[in-house]
Amino acid sequence: MVVITRQGCHLCEQAIATIEQVAPGQWSAVDVDLDEQLRNRYTDHVPVTFVDGHLVAYWTLDEGLLRRALAGDRPAPPAL
């Protein structure tokens, strides 16, 4: 699981807390501001959560959605 984050982002902190509750230690974070391509793609849509390379959520991360994604359910990516 990968979470694209930004320093000082309270929504990022909330998403990471949800991830740690559901799947502790099974994720990595990438700072959007340290990668120009990611910054151009996701701008202010952080956090962006991926499970097995599949986009799961922008901004907020619902625990139920995360659990379904980890179980293999691949819902359509959220609209912006």
N, C-alpha and C. Protein backbone atom coordinates (compact mmCIF):
# COMPACT_ATOMS: atom_id res chain seq x y z
N MET A 1 0.85 -1.16 0.00
CA MET A 1 0.00 0.00 0.00
C MET A 1 0.90 1.24 0.00
N VAL A 2 0.52 2.22 -0.80
CA VAL A 2 1.27 3.47 -0.91
C VAL A 2 0.33 4.64 -0.69
N VAL A 3 0.79 5.61 0.09
CA VAL A 3 0.03 6.82 0.33
C VAL A 3 0.87 8.01 -0.12
N ILE A 4 0.32 8.79 -1.03
CA ILE A 4 1.00 10.01 -1.45
C ILE A 4 0.56 11.10 -0.48
N THR A 5 1.52 11.72 0.17
CA THR A 5 1.25 12.65 1.26
C THR A 5 1.92 14.00 1.02
N ARG A 6 1.75 14.86 1.99
CA ARG A 6 2.42 16.17 1.99
C ARG A 6 2.66 16.54 3.46
N GLN A 7 3.79 17.14 3.74
CA GLN A 7 4.09 17.60 5.09
C GLN A 7 3.02 18.59 5.55
N GLY A 8 2.59 18.45 6.79
CA GLY A 8 1.64 19.38 7.38
C GLY A 8 0.20 19.16 6.95
N CYS A 9 -0.09 18.06 6.27
CA CYS A 9 -1.43 17.77 5.75
C CYS A 9 -2.23 16.99 6.80
N HIS A 10 -3.27 17.61 7.35
CA HIS A 10 -4.05 16.92 8.38
C HIS A 10 -4.84 15.75 7.81
N LEU A 11 -5.29 15.83 6.57
CA LEU A 11 -5.99 14.70 5.96
C LEU A 11 -5.04 13.53 5.74
N CYS A 12 -3.78 13.83 5.44
CA CYS A 12 -2.77 12.79 5.31
C CYS A 12 -2.59 12.07 6.64
N GLU A 13 -2.51 12.82 7.70
CA GLU A 13 -2.36 12.23 9.03
C GLU A 13 -3.54 11.34 9.36
N GLN A 14 -4.75 11.76 9.01
CA GLN A 14 -5.95 10.96 9.26
C GLN A 14 -5.93 9.67 8.43
N ALA A 15 -5.55 9.78 7.17
CA ALA A 15 -5.49 8.58 6.31
C ALA A 15 -4.47 7.59 6.85
N ILE A 16 -3.31 8.08 7.24
CA ILE A 16 -2.26 7.21 7.78
C ILE A 16 -2.73 6.55 9.07
N ALA A 17 -3.45 7.27 9.90
CA ALA A 17 -3.99 6.68 11.14
C ALA A 17 -4.96 5.55 10.81
N THR A 18 -5.79 5.74 9.80
CA THR A 18 -6.73 4.70 9.38
C THR A 18 -5.97 3.49 8.86
N ILE A 19 -4.97 3.74 8.04
CA ILE A 19 -4.16 2.65 7.48
C ILE A 19 -3.46 1.88 8.60
N GLU A 20 -2.88 2.60 9.53
CA GLU A 20 -2.18 1.94 10.64
C GLU A 20 -3.14 1.11 11.49
N GLN A 21 -4.38 1.54 11.60
CA GLN A 21 -5.37 0.78 12.36
C GLN A 21 -5.74 -0.51 11.63
N VAL A 22 -5.85 -0.45 10.32
CA VAL A 22 -6.30 -1.59 9.53
C VAL A 22 -5.14 -2.51 9.13
N ALA A 23 -4.02 -1.94 8.75
CA ALA A 23 -2.89 -2.72 8.24
C ALA A 23 -1.57 -2.14 8.75
N PRO A 24 -1.31 -2.25 10.03
CA PRO A 24 -0.11 -1.64 10.59
C PRO A 24 1.17 -2.12 9.92
N GLY A 25 2.00 -1.14 9.55
CA GLY A 25 3.30 -1.44 8.99
C GLY A 25 3.30 -1.96 7.56
N GLN A 26 2.15 -2.00 6.92
CA GLN A 26 2.05 -2.56 5.57
C GLN A 26 1.90 -1.48 4.51
N TRP A 27 2.53 -0.34 4.72
CA TRP A 27 2.35 0.77 3.79
C TRP A 27 3.64 1.58 3.74
N SER A 28 3.71 2.41 2.71
CA SER A 28 4.80 3.37 2.61
C SER A 28 4.23 4.70 2.16
N ALA A 29 4.93 5.77 2.50
CA ALA A 29 4.48 7.11 2.14
C ALA A 29 5.46 7.71 1.14
N VAL A 30 4.90 8.49 0.22
CA VAL A 30 5.69 9.23 -0.76
C VAL A 30 5.26 10.68 -0.66
N ASP A 31 6.20 11.58 -0.46
CA ASP A 31 5.90 13.00 -0.35
C ASP A 31 5.70 13.58 -1.75
N VAL A 32 4.51 14.06 -2.01
CA VAL A 32 4.15 14.59 -3.33
C VAL A 32 5.06 15.75 -3.74
N ASP A 33 5.55 16.50 -2.79
CA ASP A 33 6.36 17.67 -3.10
C ASP A 33 7.81 17.34 -3.42
N LEU A 34 8.21 16.08 -3.26
CA LEU A 34 9.57 15.68 -3.57
C LEU A 34 9.67 15.03 -4.95
N ASP A 35 8.54 14.92 -5.65
CA ASP A 35 8.52 14.30 -6.97
C ASP A 35 7.70 15.18 -7.90
N GLU A 36 8.36 15.79 -8.86
CA GLU A 36 7.68 16.75 -9.74
C GLU A 36 6.52 16.13 -10.50
N GLN A 37 6.68 14.89 -10.98
CA GLN A 37 5.60 14.24 -11.71
C GLN A 37 4.38 14.02 -10.81
N LEU A 38 4.61 13.55 -9.60
CA LEU A 38 3.49 13.35 -8.67
C LEU A 38 2.84 14.68 -8.32
N ARG A 39 3.65 15.70 -8.09
CA ARG A 39 3.10 17.01 -7.74
C ARG A 39 2.25 17.55 -8.89
N ASN A 40 2.71 17.38 -10.12
CA ASN A 40 1.93 17.83 -11.28
C ASN A 40 0.64 17.04 -11.42
N ARG A 41 0.66 15.75 -11.11
CA ARG A 41 -0.51 14.89 -11.27
C ARG A 41 -1.53 15.09 -10.15
N TYR A 42 -1.06 15.13 -8.90
CA TYR A 42 -1.99 15.10 -7.76
C TYR A 42 -2.14 16.45 -7.07
N THR A 43 -1.34 17.42 -7.37
CA THR A 43 -1.40 18.78 -6.82
C THR A 43 -1.90 18.78 -5.38
N ASP A 44 -3.14 19.23 -5.17
CA ASP A 44 -3.68 19.33 -3.81
C ASP A 44 -4.69 18.24 -3.49
N HIS A 45 -4.60 17.11 -4.17
CA HIS A 45 -5.55 16.02 -3.95
C HIS A 45 -5.08 15.02 -2.89
N VAL A 46 -4.02 15.34 -2.18
CA VAL A 46 -3.46 14.44 -1.18
C VAL A 46 -4.33 14.40 0.08
N PRO A 47 -4.29 13.29 0.76
CA PRO A 47 -3.58 12.08 0.44
C PRO A 47 -4.25 11.30 -0.69
N VAL A 48 -3.43 10.54 -1.40
CA VAL A 48 -3.90 9.63 -2.43
C VAL A 48 -3.45 8.24 -2.00
N THR A 49 -4.40 7.33 -1.90
CA THR A 49 -4.09 5.99 -1.38
C THR A 49 -4.22 4.95 -2.48
N PHE A 50 -3.20 4.11 -2.59
CA PHE A 50 -3.18 3.01 -3.55
C PHE A 50 -3.03 1.69 -2.81
N VAL A 51 -3.76 0.68 -3.25
CA VAL A 51 -3.60 -0.68 -2.75
C VAL A 51 -3.25 -1.55 -3.94
N ASP A 52 -2.11 -2.19 -3.89
CA ASP A 52 -1.63 -3.03 -5.00
C ASP A 52 -1.67 -2.28 -6.32
N GLY A 53 -1.29 -1.00 -6.29
CA GLY A 53 -1.25 -0.19 -7.50
C GLY A 53 -2.59 0.35 -7.96
N HIS A 54 -3.66 0.01 -7.26
CA HIS A 54 -5.00 0.47 -7.62
C HIS A 54 -5.37 1.70 -6.78
N LEU A 55 -5.79 2.76 -7.44
CA LEU A 55 -6.21 3.97 -6.74
C LEU A 55 -7.46 3.69 -5.93
N VAL A 56 -7.38 3.97 -4.64
CA VAL A 56 -8.49 3.69 -3.73
C VAL A 56 -9.20 4.97 -3.30
N ALA A 57 -8.43 6.03 -2.98
CA ALA A 57 -9.08 7.22 -2.43
C ALA A 57 -8.21 8.46 -2.58
N TYR A 58 -8.89 9.58 -2.75
CA TYR A 58 -8.29 10.91 -2.63
C TYR A 58 -8.81 11.53 -1.34
N TRP A 59 -8.08 12.43 -0.76
CA TRP A 59 -8.45 13.25 0.40
C TRP A 59 -8.78 12.44 1.65
N THR A 60 -9.91 11.77 1.67
CA THR A 60 -10.28 11.03 2.87
C THR A 60 -10.27 9.54 2.57
N LEU A 61 -9.97 8.76 3.58
CA LEU A 61 -9.90 7.31 3.44
C LEU A 61 -10.87 6.67 4.42
N ASP A 62 -11.87 6.02 3.88
CA ASP A 62 -12.87 5.32 4.68
C ASP A 62 -12.32 3.93 5.06
N GLU A 63 -12.44 3.58 6.33
CA GLU A 63 -11.92 2.30 6.80
C GLU A 63 -12.55 1.12 6.06
N GLY A 64 -13.85 1.18 5.84
CA GLY A 64 -14.53 0.08 5.15
C GLY A 64 -14.03 -0.07 3.72
N LEU A 65 -13.85 1.04 3.03
CA LEU A 65 -13.32 1.02 1.67
C LEU A 65 -11.92 0.42 1.65
N LEU A 66 -11.09 0.81 2.59
CA LEU A 66 -9.74 0.28 2.68
C LEU A 66 -9.77 -1.23 2.91
N ARG A 67 -10.61 -1.68 3.81
CA ARG A 67 -10.71 -3.12 4.09
C ARG A 67 -11.15 -3.89 2.84
N ARG A 68 -12.11 -3.34 2.10
CA ARG A 68 -12.57 -3.99 0.86
C ARG A 68 -11.44 -4.04 -0.16
N ALA A 69 -10.70 -2.95 -0.29
CA ALA A 69 -9.60 -2.91 -1.25
C ALA A 69 -8.53 -3.93 -0.87
N LEU A 70 -8.23 -4.05 0.40
CA LEU A 70 -7.23 -5.02 0.84
C LEU A 70 -7.70 -6.45 0.63
N ALA A 71 -9.03 -6.66 0.63
CA ALA A 71 -9.59 -7.98 0.39
C ALA A 71 -9.69 -8.31 -1.09
N GLY A 72 -9.31 -7.36 -1.95
CA GLY A 72 -9.31 -7.62 -3.38
C GLY A 72 -10.42 -6.96 -4.16
N ASP A 73 -11.34 -6.28 -3.48
CA ASP A 73 -12.39 -5.55 -4.18
C ASP A 73 -11.75 -4.35 -4.86
N ARG A 74 -12.01 -4.15 -6.11
CA ARG A 74 -11.43 -3.04 -6.87
C ARG A 74 -12.53 -2.13 -7.40
N PRO A 75 -13.06 -1.28 -6.54
CA PRO A 75 -14.10 -0.36 -7.00
C PRO A 75 -13.51 0.64 -8.00
N ALA A 76 -14.38 1.27 -8.76
CA ALA A 76 -13.94 2.30 -9.71
C ALA A 76 -13.19 3.38 -8.96
N PRO A 77 -12.14 3.94 -9.54
CA PRO A 77 -11.42 5.02 -8.87
C PRO A 77 -12.34 6.20 -8.59
N PRO A 78 -12.12 6.87 -7.48
CA PRO A 78 -12.96 8.01 -7.15
C PRO A 78 -12.81 9.14 -8.17
N ALA A 79 -13.91 9.82 -8.41
CA ALA A 79 -13.88 10.95 -9.34
C ALA A 79 -13.35 12.18 -8.62
N LEU A 80 -12.69 13.03 -9.37
CA LEU A 80 -12.22 14.29 -8.80
C LEU A 80 -13.22 15.38 -9.06
